[in-house]
Amino acid sequence: MKFIRQTYESFRFAWQALRSNLLRTTLSLLGVTIGIFAIIAVFTIVDSLERNIKESLSGIGDKVLYVQKWPWVFDGNFQWWKYFQRPEPSINEFKFLSDRLENAQAVVAMDFKGQVTVKNGNNSIQALIQGTTMDYNKISEVPVEQGRYFSQQEIDAARNVAIVGADVAETLFPSQIPVGKEFKLNGLKYVVIGVQERKGESLVNFGGNPDNKCIIPIGAFAKMYHSINPSIDIAVKGFDQDEGLLELESEIRGLMRARRGLKPLQEDNFSLNRPDAAAKAISSLFAVLTVAGWVIGSFSILVGGFGIANIMFVSVKERTNLIGIQKSLGAKNYFILFQFMFEAVFLSLIGGSVGILLVYLLSFMKLGSLVIILSPANIMLGLGVSSIIGTLSGILPALVAARMDPVIAIRSK
């Protein structure tokens, strides 16, 4: 009860100080507000960007290795001419890996063609065309809302069937059920067998926006777009995230080197890309942005800390007589110390809370397709930093007040 009573008294003194010098207090707290806003805004935007990109990366598969010509991440010794001379992965190499890999759940061949016009009567839309094999739904999510996924017979026979995205379905077949309907692609008729669930806009869409995509059998794709020597991407899904993927990577490397007749001392002429490696590279970039946010916000917080210290020194000066009376009536040093420390932290928390409120209002702004979400962790971080700043700013004035001689303090005016 004593602690609660002391806390209430400290809160009352802090509130009176705030009300009696509202303009001075507001201007002094502006630095804390701007500093917390800068730090939490940067953290919130970085978290939102990272979450958006990682969600997009999850669309290209978990526990998946991609056999491709080019690497996704380049080191400092990037020699583009060597990569340029590499052969493209082929259908025959896909079949070779599919028949021989022992540590793989699924092996998929895929290829893409962007900005292709698909039509149904007078309705048309520019879509991404993706050719793929049977196990594509094991590599990446294909949430079919209407209709069904491919059958093995449709893939083997390279039939003109398609799973379309929500935007394609709505544009080509307004106010209709698309499943079973025909549309034209490159002058050929295709039948819609499935429609994917709407994903919505995303800042980054690795592998293309599913809402604006037509997925067709790789054989049908090859008849339209492949030359005599077609090139593809090969995706291989493993069983385990860590050790299993390393074993799978070694197995793929050995089979690809044998298939391409590479000698032991020759470098690989293919790349094995992992989405988690790209995610790590992205995380390191965001770590730099986070540090930048701390640096930017620290200067404002430093100014705000000096402002709070100034308020507290002035408050101690104005209440010197009252401090003397409190001590003469038996108030302990720790009570005086706690009283001014509480006031400093309270003022700092007000400034920090306003900064967090501004970030929360920022989350209602639409920044393209980026959805900004203020997480509880960032709220707690902002309040925690505010408390630390208030503690550091108020400790010296509080010590000065606690160590005052009651007789001298009462005589002061």
Protein backbone atom coordinates (compact mmCIF):
# COMPACT_ATOMS: atom_id res chain seq x y z
CA MET A 1 0.00 0.00 0.00
CA LYS A 2 2.85 2.33 0.78
CA PHE A 3 4.39 1.76 -2.64
CA ILE A 4 1.03 2.33 -4.36
CA ARG A 5 0.53 5.56 -2.38
CA GLN A 6 4.02 6.79 -3.31
CA THR A 7 3.42 5.93 -6.95
CA TYR A 8 0.14 7.83 -6.92
CA GLU A 9 1.81 10.88 -5.35
CA SER A 10 4.60 10.73 -7.96
CA PHE A 11 2.05 10.46 -10.75
CA ARG A 12 0.14 13.47 -9.36
CA PHE A 13 3.31 15.58 -9.20
CA ALA A 14 4.24 14.56 -12.76
CA TRP A 15 0.78 15.42 -14.07
CA GLN A 16 0.78 18.79 -12.33
CA ALA A 17 4.20 19.60 -13.81
CA LEU A 18 2.93 18.66 -17.26
CA ARG A 19 -0.22 20.77 -16.97
CA SER A 20 1.44 23.82 -15.46
CA ASN A 21 4.12 24.04 -18.19
CA LEU A 22 2.35 22.46 -21.16
CA LEU A 23 4.13 24.36 -23.96
CA ARG A 24 7.60 23.93 -22.45
CA THR A 25 7.00 20.24 -21.83
CA THR A 26 5.59 19.66 -25.32
CA LEU A 27 8.57 21.31 -27.03
CA SER A 28 11.01 19.38 -24.85
CA LEU A 29 9.31 16.05 -25.57
CA LEU A 30 9.28 16.69 -29.31
CA GLY A 31 12.77 15.20 -29.64
CA VAL A 32 11.72 11.94 -27.97
CA THR A 33 8.58 11.79 -30.11
CA ILE A 34 10.51 12.26 -33.37
CA GLY A 35 13.24 9.84 -32.31
CA ILE A 36 10.83 7.04 -31.34
CA PHE A 37 8.80 7.69 -34.49
CA ALA A 38 11.94 7.43 -36.68
CA ILE A 39 13.15 4.20 -35.06
CA ILE A 40 9.80 2.41 -34.84
CA ALA A 41 8.72 3.60 -38.32
CA VAL A 42 11.92 2.20 -39.87
CA PHE A 43 11.57 -1.06 -37.92
CA THR A 44 7.91 -1.40 -38.88
CA ILE A 45 8.50 -0.75 -42.58
CA VAL A 46 11.53 -3.07 -42.64
CA ASP A 47 9.54 -5.82 -40.89
CA SER A 48 6.66 -5.36 -43.33
CA LEU A 49 9.00 -5.46 -46.33
CA GLU A 50 10.80 -8.53 -45.03
CA ARG A 51 7.54 -10.33 -44.28
CA ASN A 52 6.18 -9.48 -47.74
CA ILE A 53 9.28 -10.69 -49.56
CA LYS A 54 9.58 -13.87 -47.49
CA GLU A 55 5.93 -14.66 -48.17
CA SER A 56 6.68 -14.23 -51.87
CA LEU A 57 9.72 -16.50 -51.52
CA SER A 58 7.54 -19.14 -49.89
CA GLY A 59 5.55 -19.19 -53.13
CA ILE A 60 8.54 -20.69 -54.96
CA GLY A 61 8.80 -23.57 -52.54
CA ASP A 62 10.08 -24.72 -49.18
CA LYS A 63 12.97 -27.24 -49.03
CA VAL A 64 13.46 -26.74 -52.77
CA LEU A 65 16.59 -26.57 -54.91
CA TYR A 66 16.52 -24.97 -58.36
CA VAL A 67 18.85 -26.19 -61.10
CA GLN A 68 19.45 -23.17 -63.34
CA LYS A 69 21.98 -21.44 -65.53
CA TRP A 70 22.40 -18.33 -63.39
CA PRO A 71 22.91 -18.06 -59.59
CA TRP A 72 20.50 -15.94 -57.56
CA VAL A 73 23.21 -14.45 -55.35
CA PHE A 74 26.50 -13.21 -56.80
CA ASP A 75 29.74 -12.84 -54.88
CA GLY A 76 32.34 -10.11 -55.29
CA ASN A 77 34.18 -12.05 -58.02
CA PHE A 78 31.23 -12.26 -60.38
CA GLN A 79 32.46 -13.25 -63.85
CA TRP A 80 29.37 -12.85 -66.00
CA TRP A 81 31.01 -14.16 -69.15
CA LYS A 82 31.47 -17.61 -67.58
CA TYR A 83 27.82 -17.79 -66.57
CA PHE A 84 26.77 -16.54 -70.00
CA GLN A 85 28.57 -19.47 -71.68
CA ARG A 86 26.82 -22.10 -69.56
CA PRO A 87 24.27 -24.39 -71.24
CA GLU A 88 20.63 -24.09 -70.25
CA PRO A 89 19.00 -26.96 -68.31
CA SER A 90 17.01 -29.19 -70.67
CA ILE A 91 14.04 -31.55 -70.65
CA ASN A 92 16.40 -34.49 -71.03
CA GLU A 93 18.30 -33.42 -67.91
CA PHE A 94 15.00 -33.13 -66.04
CA LYS A 95 14.14 -36.72 -67.02
CA PHE A 96 17.65 -37.84 -66.08
CA LEU A 97 17.35 -36.34 -62.57
CA SER A 98 13.76 -37.52 -62.14
CA ASP A 99 14.75 -41.13 -62.86
CA ARG A 100 17.88 -41.19 -60.66
CA LEU A 101 17.42 -38.91 -57.64
CA GLU A 102 16.88 -40.90 -54.43
CA ASN A 103 16.60 -38.07 -51.86
CA ALA A 104 13.89 -36.05 -53.63
CA GLN A 105 10.16 -35.83 -52.99
CA ALA A 106 9.48 -34.28 -56.38
CA VAL A 107 11.33 -33.18 -59.53
CA VAL A 108 9.64 -30.58 -61.71
CA ALA A 109 10.43 -28.92 -65.04
CA MET A 110 8.99 -25.47 -65.68
CA ASP A 111 9.27 -22.55 -68.07
CA PHE A 112 7.67 -19.13 -68.37
CA LYS A 113 6.47 -16.74 -71.04
CA GLY A 114 5.41 -13.28 -69.92
CA GLN A 115 2.96 -10.73 -71.29
CA VAL A 116 1.01 -13.13 -73.51
CA THR A 117 -2.47 -12.14 -74.64
CA VAL A 118 -5.18 -14.66 -73.78
CA LYS A 119 -8.67 -14.14 -75.23
CA ASN A 120 -12.26 -15.18 -74.90
CA GLY A 121 -14.41 -13.39 -77.46
CA ASN A 122 -13.97 -9.66 -76.92
CA ASN A 123 -12.37 -10.15 -73.51
CA SER A 124 -8.57 -10.31 -73.29
CA ILE A 125 -5.80 -9.92 -70.73
CA GLN A 126 -2.00 -9.97 -70.66
CA ALA A 127 -1.01 -13.02 -68.63
CA LEU A 128 2.06 -14.98 -67.56
CA ILE A 129 2.09 -18.44 -69.12
CA GLN A 130 3.80 -21.18 -67.13
CA GLY A 131 4.45 -24.64 -68.44
CA THR A 132 5.08 -27.30 -65.83
CA THR A 133 5.06 -31.00 -65.04
CA MET A 134 2.81 -33.08 -62.81
CA ASP A 135 4.40 -32.51 -59.40
CA TYR A 136 4.42 -28.71 -59.52
CA ASN A 137 1.83 -28.59 -56.71
CA LYS A 138 4.35 -30.38 -54.48
CA ILE A 139 6.95 -27.68 -55.12
CA SER A 140 4.69 -24.64 -54.78
CA GLU A 141 1.20 -24.10 -53.46
CA VAL A 142 -1.53 -24.22 -56.12
CA PRO A 143 -4.72 -23.54 -54.12
CA VAL A 144 -7.48 -24.48 -56.58
CA GLU A 145 -10.70 -22.73 -55.58
CA GLN A 146 -12.81 -24.02 -58.48
CA GLY A 147 -12.26 -27.14 -60.54
CA ARG A 148 -9.24 -29.41 -60.07
CA TYR A 149 -5.52 -29.89 -60.60
CA PHE A 150 -3.96 -31.62 -63.64
CA SER A 151 -4.19 -35.36 -64.15
CA GLN A 152 -1.17 -37.44 -65.15
CA GLN A 153 -2.80 -38.24 -68.52
CA GLU A 154 -3.20 -34.51 -69.30
CA ILE A 155 0.47 -33.86 -68.54
CA ASP A 156 1.73 -36.89 -70.49
CA ALA A 157 -0.44 -36.13 -73.53
CA ALA A 158 0.36 -32.39 -73.42
CA ARG A 159 -3.33 -31.55 -73.62
CA ASN A 160 -4.52 -27.98 -74.02
CA VAL A 161 -5.82 -27.51 -70.48
CA ALA A 162 -5.05 -24.73 -68.01
CA ILE A 163 -5.32 -23.66 -64.39
CA VAL A 164 -5.86 -19.91 -64.41
CA GLY A 165 -5.48 -17.15 -61.84
CA ALA A 166 -8.36 -15.16 -60.36
CA ASP A 167 -7.73 -12.04 -62.50
CA VAL A 168 -7.59 -14.11 -65.70
CA ALA A 169 -10.81 -15.92 -64.82
CA GLU A 170 -12.70 -12.73 -63.95
CA THR A 171 -11.52 -10.90 -67.08
CA LEU A 172 -12.15 -13.69 -69.58
CA PHE A 173 -15.34 -15.03 -68.02
CA PRO A 174 -17.15 -12.17 -66.23
CA SER A 175 -20.19 -13.33 -64.25
CA GLN A 176 -19.58 -16.92 -65.39
CA ILE A 177 -18.18 -20.14 -63.98
CA PRO A 178 -14.85 -20.49 -65.83
CA VAL A 179 -14.33 -24.25 -65.29
CA GLY A 180 -15.00 -26.15 -68.52
CA LYS A 181 -14.95 -22.99 -70.65
CA GLU A 182 -12.51 -22.39 -73.52
CA PHE A 183 -10.16 -19.48 -74.21
CA LYS A 184 -7.57 -18.82 -76.88
CA LEU A 185 -3.82 -18.77 -76.31
CA ASN A 186 -1.55 -18.23 -79.32
CA GLY A 187 -4.50 -19.05 -81.56
CA LEU A 188 -5.05 -22.41 -79.84
CA LYS A 189 -8.07 -23.34 -77.76
CA TYR A 190 -7.45 -24.21 -74.10
CA VAL A 191 -9.96 -25.53 -71.59
CA VAL A 192 -10.03 -24.17 -68.03
CA ILE A 193 -9.89 -27.07 -65.57
CA GLY A 194 -9.19 -25.02 -62.43
CA VAL A 195 -9.13 -21.51 -60.99
CA GLN A 196 -6.68 -20.54 -58.25
CA GLU A 197 -7.70 -18.69 -55.10
CA ARG A 198 -7.04 -14.97 -55.20
CA LYS A 199 -3.73 -14.04 -53.61
CA GLY A 200 -3.98 -10.26 -53.97
CA GLU A 201 -1.31 -7.71 -54.68
CA SER A 202 2.19 -8.30 -53.39
CA LEU A 203 5.25 -6.08 -53.38
CA VAL A 204 7.34 -8.83 -54.98
CA ASN A 205 6.05 -11.92 -56.76
CA PHE A 206 8.77 -14.47 -57.31
CA GLY A 207 7.62 -16.80 -60.06
CA GLY A 208 4.91 -14.35 -61.14
CA ASN A 209 1.61 -13.16 -59.69
CA PRO A 210 -0.68 -16.23 -59.35
CA ASP A 211 -3.73 -14.04 -59.98
CA ASN A 212 -2.44 -13.20 -63.46
CA LYS A 213 -1.06 -16.59 -64.47
CA CYS A 214 -2.07 -19.50 -66.68
CA ILE A 215 -0.46 -22.85 -65.79
CA ILE A 216 -0.40 -25.41 -68.61
CA PRO A 217 1.35 -28.76 -69.21
CA ILE A 218 5.03 -28.39 -70.15
CA GLY A 219 4.43 -30.34 -73.38
CA ALA A 220 1.74 -27.91 -74.53
CA PHE A 221 4.05 -25.02 -73.60
CA ALA A 222 6.91 -26.57 -75.59
CA LYS A 223 4.78 -26.91 -78.73
CA MET A 224 4.12 -23.17 -78.69
CA TYR A 225 7.35 -21.60 -77.46
CA HIS A 226 10.30 -23.99 -77.37
CA SER A 227 12.86 -24.08 -80.12
CA ILE A 228 14.74 -27.22 -81.23
CA ASN A 229 16.83 -27.08 -78.01
CA PRO A 230 14.39 -25.93 -75.30
CA SER A 231 15.57 -24.52 -71.97
CA ILE A 232 13.81 -24.94 -68.65
CA ASP A 233 14.19 -24.52 -64.90
CA ILE A 234 14.40 -27.70 -62.84
CA ALA A 235 13.02 -27.63 -59.28
CA VAL A 236 13.78 -30.45 -56.84
CA LYS A 237 12.10 -30.76 -53.45
CA GLY A 238 13.89 -32.55 -50.62
CA PHE A 239 12.67 -34.20 -47.42
CA ASP A 240 14.54 -32.22 -44.75
CA GLN A 241 15.44 -28.54 -44.42
CA ASP A 242 19.09 -28.81 -43.37
CA GLU A 243 21.10 -32.04 -43.61
CA GLY A 244 18.66 -33.59 -46.06
CA LEU A 245 18.98 -30.65 -48.43
CA LEU A 246 22.77 -30.80 -48.25
CA GLU A 247 22.67 -34.48 -49.22
CA LEU A 248 20.22 -33.69 -52.01
CA GLU A 249 22.40 -30.83 -53.24
CA SER A 250 25.43 -33.14 -53.37
CA GLU A 251 23.41 -35.79 -55.20
CA ILE A 252 22.12 -33.31 -57.79
CA ARG A 253 25.60 -31.86 -58.30
CA GLY A 254 27.09 -35.32 -58.86
CA LEU A 255 24.37 -36.36 -61.33
CA MET A 256 24.50 -33.08 -63.27
CA ARG A 257 28.29 -33.19 -63.54
CA ALA A 258 28.11 -36.78 -64.77
CA ARG A 259 25.34 -35.91 -67.24
CA ARG A 260 27.33 -33.00 -68.67
CA GLY A 261 30.61 -34.90 -68.70
CA LEU A 262 32.53 -32.52 -66.45
CA LYS A 263 36.01 -33.58 -65.36
CA PRO A 264 36.94 -33.55 -61.63
CA LEU A 265 38.88 -30.26 -61.84
CA GLN A 266 36.31 -28.45 -63.98
CA GLU A 267 33.92 -25.96 -62.39
CA ASP A 268 30.17 -26.57 -62.34
CA ASN A 269 28.47 -25.15 -65.42
CA PHE A 270 25.12 -24.92 -63.64
CA SER A 271 23.80 -23.25 -60.47
CA LEU A 272 21.94 -24.81 -57.54
CA ASN A 273 19.78 -22.07 -56.05
CA ARG A 274 17.94 -22.21 -52.73
CA PRO A 275 15.15 -19.80 -51.71
CA ASP A 276 16.46 -19.74 -48.13
CA ALA A 277 19.84 -18.45 -49.41
CA ALA A 278 18.03 -15.58 -51.10
CA ALA A 279 16.07 -14.99 -47.89
CA LYS A 280 19.33 -14.77 -45.91
CA ALA A 281 20.74 -12.24 -48.37
CA ILE A 282 17.56 -10.18 -48.04
CA SER A 283 17.74 -10.39 -44.22
CA SER A 284 21.32 -9.07 -44.23
CA LEU A 285 20.17 -6.11 -46.34
CA PHE A 286 17.35 -5.37 -43.92
CA ALA A 287 19.81 -5.58 -41.01
CA VAL A 288 21.69 -2.65 -42.56
CA LEU A 289 18.44 -0.68 -42.86
CA THR A 290 17.67 -1.44 -39.21
CA VAL A 291 21.05 -0.05 -38.13
CA ALA A 292 20.36 3.05 -40.22
CA GLY A 293 17.04 3.47 -38.39
CA TRP A 294 18.82 3.32 -35.02
CA VAL A 295 21.37 5.92 -36.14
CA ILE A 296 18.73 8.30 -37.51
CA GLY A 297 16.50 8.01 -34.46
CA SER A 298 19.33 8.17 -31.91
CA PHE A 299 20.14 11.79 -32.68
CA SER A 300 16.55 12.89 -32.09
CA ILE A 301 16.31 10.78 -28.93
CA LEU A 302 19.56 12.31 -27.65
CA VAL A 303 18.11 15.80 -28.11
CA GLY A 304 14.89 14.65 -26.46
CA GLY A 305 16.83 13.21 -23.52
CA PHE A 306 18.54 16.56 -22.93
CA GLY A 307 15.13 18.24 -23.15
CA ILE A 308 13.70 15.97 -20.44
CA ALA A 309 16.78 16.51 -18.25
CA ASN A 310 16.28 20.27 -18.65
CA ILE A 311 12.61 19.94 -17.62
CA MET A 312 13.58 17.95 -14.54
CA PHE A 313 16.28 20.39 -13.42
CA VAL A 314 13.80 23.24 -13.76
CA SER A 315 11.19 21.19 -11.87
CA VAL A 316 13.66 20.51 -9.04
CA LYS A 317 14.46 24.23 -8.86
CA GLU A 318 10.79 25.23 -8.77
CA ARG A 319 9.91 22.66 -6.08
CA THR A 320 12.95 23.08 -3.85
CA ASN A 321 10.84 24.54 -1.03
CA LEU A 322 8.32 21.71 -1.33
CA ILE A 323 11.15 19.14 -1.23
CA GLY A 324 12.36 20.71 2.03
CA ILE A 325 8.88 20.51 3.55
CA GLN A 326 8.51 16.87 2.48
CA LYS A 327 11.86 15.97 4.05
CA SER A 328 11.06 17.82 7.26
CA LEU A 329 7.85 15.80 7.53
CA GLY A 330 9.82 12.54 7.27
CA ALA A 331 10.05 11.83 3.54
CA LYS A 332 13.01 9.54 2.84
CA ASN A 333 15.62 10.24 0.17
CA TYR A 334 14.47 7.27 -1.89
CA PHE A 335 10.92 8.69 -1.99
CA ILE A 336 12.17 12.03 -3.38
CA LEU A 337 14.40 10.14 -5.82
CA PHE A 338 11.55 7.90 -6.94
CA GLN A 339 9.21 10.86 -7.29
CA PHE A 340 11.43 12.70 -9.79
CA MET A 341 12.53 9.53 -11.57
CA PHE A 342 8.90 8.56 -12.07
CA GLU A 343 8.17 12.01 -13.44
CA ALA A 344 11.03 11.79 -15.95
CA VAL A 345 9.99 8.32 -17.14
CA PHE A 346 6.34 9.39 -17.32
CA LEU A 347 7.19 12.38 -19.50
CA SER A 348 9.42 10.29 -21.74
CA LEU A 349 6.70 7.65 -22.12
CA ILE A 350 4.26 10.34 -23.22
CA GLY A 351 6.68 11.46 -25.94
CA GLY A 352 7.35 7.86 -26.99
CA SER A 353 3.65 6.99 -27.02
CA VAL A 354 2.92 9.91 -29.35
CA GLY A 355 5.70 8.67 -31.66
CA ILE A 356 4.21 5.14 -31.65
CA LEU A 357 0.76 6.61 -32.32
CA LEU A 358 2.14 8.41 -35.39
CA VAL A 359 3.58 5.10 -36.66
CA TYR A 360 0.20 3.45 -36.07
CA LEU A 361 -1.48 6.19 -38.14
CA LEU A 362 1.19 5.59 -40.81
CA SER A 363 0.05 1.97 -41.05
CA PHE A 364 -3.29 3.19 -42.48
CA MET A 365 -1.50 4.73 -45.45
CA LYS A 366 -1.41 2.64 -48.63
CA LEU A 367 2.14 2.34 -49.95
CA GLY A 368 1.48 0.51 -53.20
CA SER A 369 0.89 -3.15 -52.39
CA LEU A 370 2.88 -2.99 -49.14
CA VAL A 371 0.76 -3.57 -46.04
CA ILE A 372 2.36 -1.88 -43.01
CA ILE A 373 1.66 -3.62 -39.71
CA LEU A 374 2.80 -2.21 -36.35
CA SER A 375 3.74 -5.31 -34.39
CA PRO A 376 3.43 -5.65 -30.58
CA ALA A 377 7.20 -6.24 -30.45
CA ASN A 378 7.87 -2.83 -32.01
CA ILE A 379 5.37 -1.18 -29.64
CA MET A 380 7.17 -2.72 -26.66
CA LEU A 381 10.52 -1.67 -28.13
CA GLY A 382 9.35 1.94 -28.46
CA LEU A 383 8.02 2.02 -24.89
CA GLY A 384 11.18 0.32 -23.62
CA VAL A 385 13.48 2.84 -25.31
CA SER A 386 11.33 5.69 -23.98
CA SER A 387 11.60 4.31 -20.44
CA ILE A 388 15.38 4.01 -20.72
CA ILE A 389 15.69 7.57 -22.03
CA GLY A 390 13.48 8.85 -19.20
CA THR A 391 15.54 6.96 -16.63
CA LEU A 392 18.87 8.24 -17.94
CA SER A 393 17.56 11.81 -18.28
CA GLY A 394 15.99 11.92 -14.83
CA ILE A 395 18.62 10.19 -12.70
CA LEU A 396 20.86 13.22 -12.15
CA PRO A 397 18.09 15.74 -11.33
CA ALA A 398 16.49 13.14 -9.04
CA LEU A 399 19.78 12.61 -7.18
CA VAL A 400 20.18 16.38 -6.75
CA ALA A 401 16.66 16.58 -5.27
CA ALA A 402 17.15 13.55 -3.00
CA ARG A 403 20.41 14.90 -1.51
CA MET A 404 19.07 18.37 -0.61
CA ASP A 405 19.39 19.57 2.96
CA PRO A 406 15.81 20.11 4.24
CA VAL A 407 16.67 23.30 6.17
CA ILE A 408 18.38 24.94 3.18
CA ALA A 409 15.61 23.76 0.87
CA ILE A 410 12.84 25.25 3.04
CA ARG A 411 14.60 28.65 3.22
CA SER A 412 14.97 28.85 -0.57
CA LYS A 413 12.46 30.88 -2.60
